[in-house]
Amino acid sequence: MNKIKLYVDDERPAPNGWVNVKSAEMAIKLLREGLVEELSLDHDLGRKKTGYDIILWMEKELMTGAFELPSVIKIHTANPVGRQKMIAAINSMLKKMEN
């Protein structure tokens, strides 16, 4: 099965070559299926869950050993506080993987 570049944003269109989803739930579904090779996240998704919730889900799944991170994770949010939280969580995840 072909892997995809997943762009998670409820307002901005995805760049060429990327698949756009507007919700954390749909992003998690595709991540769970192992279909995502690159991931670009917005923080504010206009719903209950955010891009940060997606990262928290990935961190939890990594602990089970049954999940592999996408090879590239980008943050494209305009929310500065959300960006910092997301970057810190990604760095924490990567550090745990090194140990």
Protein backbone atom coordinates (compact mmCIF):
# COMPACT_ATOMS: atom_id res chain seq x y z
CA MET A 1 0.00 0.00 0.00
CA ASN A 2 1.28 3.46 -0.87
CA LYS A 3 2.21 5.74 1.99
CA ILE A 4 0.86 9.27 2.07
CA LYS A 5 1.90 12.75 3.14
CA LEU A 6 -0.81 13.84 5.57
CA TYR A 7 -1.68 17.51 6.08
CA VAL A 8 -3.95 18.04 9.08
CA ASP A 9 -5.71 21.40 8.92
CA ASP A 10 -9.35 22.45 9.04
CA GLU A 11 -8.87 25.71 7.10
CA ARG A 12 -5.77 25.70 4.87
CA PRO A 13 -5.65 23.60 1.71
CA ALA A 14 -2.97 20.92 1.55
CA PRO A 15 0.09 21.56 -0.62
CA ASN A 16 0.34 19.59 -3.87
CA GLY A 17 1.09 15.94 -3.22
CA TRP A 18 -0.40 15.98 0.30
CA VAL A 19 -3.67 14.49 1.55
CA ASN A 20 -5.74 16.93 3.63
CA VAL A 21 -7.82 15.88 6.62
CA LYS A 22 -9.65 18.32 8.83
CA SER A 23 -9.96 16.39 12.11
CA ALA A 24 -7.73 14.73 14.67
CA GLU A 25 -9.93 11.65 14.52
CA MET A 26 -9.37 11.12 10.78
CA ALA A 27 -5.64 11.76 11.15
CA ILE A 28 -5.42 9.19 13.95
CA LYS A 29 -7.32 6.67 11.82
CA LEU A 30 -4.78 7.02 8.99
CA LEU A 31 -1.83 6.95 11.41
CA ARG A 32 -3.23 3.83 13.08
CA GLU A 33 -3.44 2.13 9.68
CA GLY A 34 0.26 2.86 9.07
CA LEU A 35 -0.43 4.85 5.93
CA VAL A 36 1.45 8.05 6.82
CA GLU A 37 5.09 8.65 5.88
CA GLU A 38 5.07 12.43 6.41
CA LEU A 39 2.84 14.42 8.74
CA SER A 40 2.21 18.18 8.91
CA LEU A 41 0.06 19.43 11.78
CA ASP A 42 -1.97 22.49 12.61
CA HIS A 43 -2.78 22.98 16.30
CA ASP A 44 -6.26 24.52 16.16
CA LEU A 45 -8.58 22.22 14.27
CA GLY A 46 -11.84 24.01 15.07
CA ARG A 47 -13.11 21.04 17.00
CA LYS A 48 -12.66 19.48 20.39
CA LYS A 49 -9.34 17.79 19.55
CA THR A 50 -6.20 19.56 18.37
CA GLY A 51 -2.95 18.73 16.62
CA TYR A 52 -1.46 18.36 20.10
CA ASP A 53 -3.96 15.57 20.82
CA ILE A 54 -2.65 13.73 17.75
CA ILE A 55 0.89 13.95 19.11
CA LEU A 56 -0.26 12.71 22.53
CA TRP A 57 -1.94 9.76 20.81
CA MET A 58 1.26 8.96 18.88
CA GLU A 59 3.30 9.13 22.10
CA LYS A 60 0.94 6.70 23.83
CA GLU A 61 0.98 4.31 20.86
CA LEU A 62 4.79 4.36 20.71
CA MET A 63 4.85 3.00 24.26
CA THR A 64 2.91 -0.09 23.11
CA GLY A 65 5.60 -0.85 20.53
CA ALA A 66 2.98 -1.41 17.84
CA PHE A 67 3.30 2.02 16.24
CA GLU A 68 5.99 3.56 14.08
CA LEU A 69 6.31 7.33 13.76
CA PRO A 70 6.07 8.94 10.34
CA SER A 71 9.57 9.62 9.00
CA VAL A 72 8.89 13.38 8.95
CA ILE A 73 6.71 15.38 11.35
CA LYS A 74 6.18 19.09 10.65
CA ILE A 75 4.24 21.75 12.52
CA HIS A 76 2.59 24.43 10.39
CA THR A 77 0.34 26.07 12.99
CA ALA A 78 0.11 29.85 13.42
CA ASN A 79 -0.66 29.34 17.14
CA PRO A 80 2.65 30.14 18.94
CA VAL A 81 1.69 28.52 22.26
CA GLY A 82 0.35 25.43 20.49
CA ARG A 83 3.50 25.26 18.35
CA GLN A 84 5.75 25.25 21.42
CA LYS A 85 3.69 22.54 23.15
CA MET A 86 3.72 20.38 20.02
CA ILE A 87 7.46 20.79 19.42
CA ALA A 88 8.23 19.97 23.07
CA ALA A 89 6.06 16.82 22.90
CA ILE A 90 7.69 15.67 19.64
CA ASN A 91 11.17 16.23 21.08
CA SER A 92 10.20 14.30 24.20
CA MET A 93 8.92 11.42 22.05
CA LEU A 94 12.10 11.31 19.99
CA LYS A 95 14.24 11.39 23.12
CA LYS A 96 12.30 8.44 24.60
CA MET A 97 12.83 6.51 21.37
CA GLU A 98 16.61 7.00 21.64
CA ASN A 99 16.69 5.40 25.10
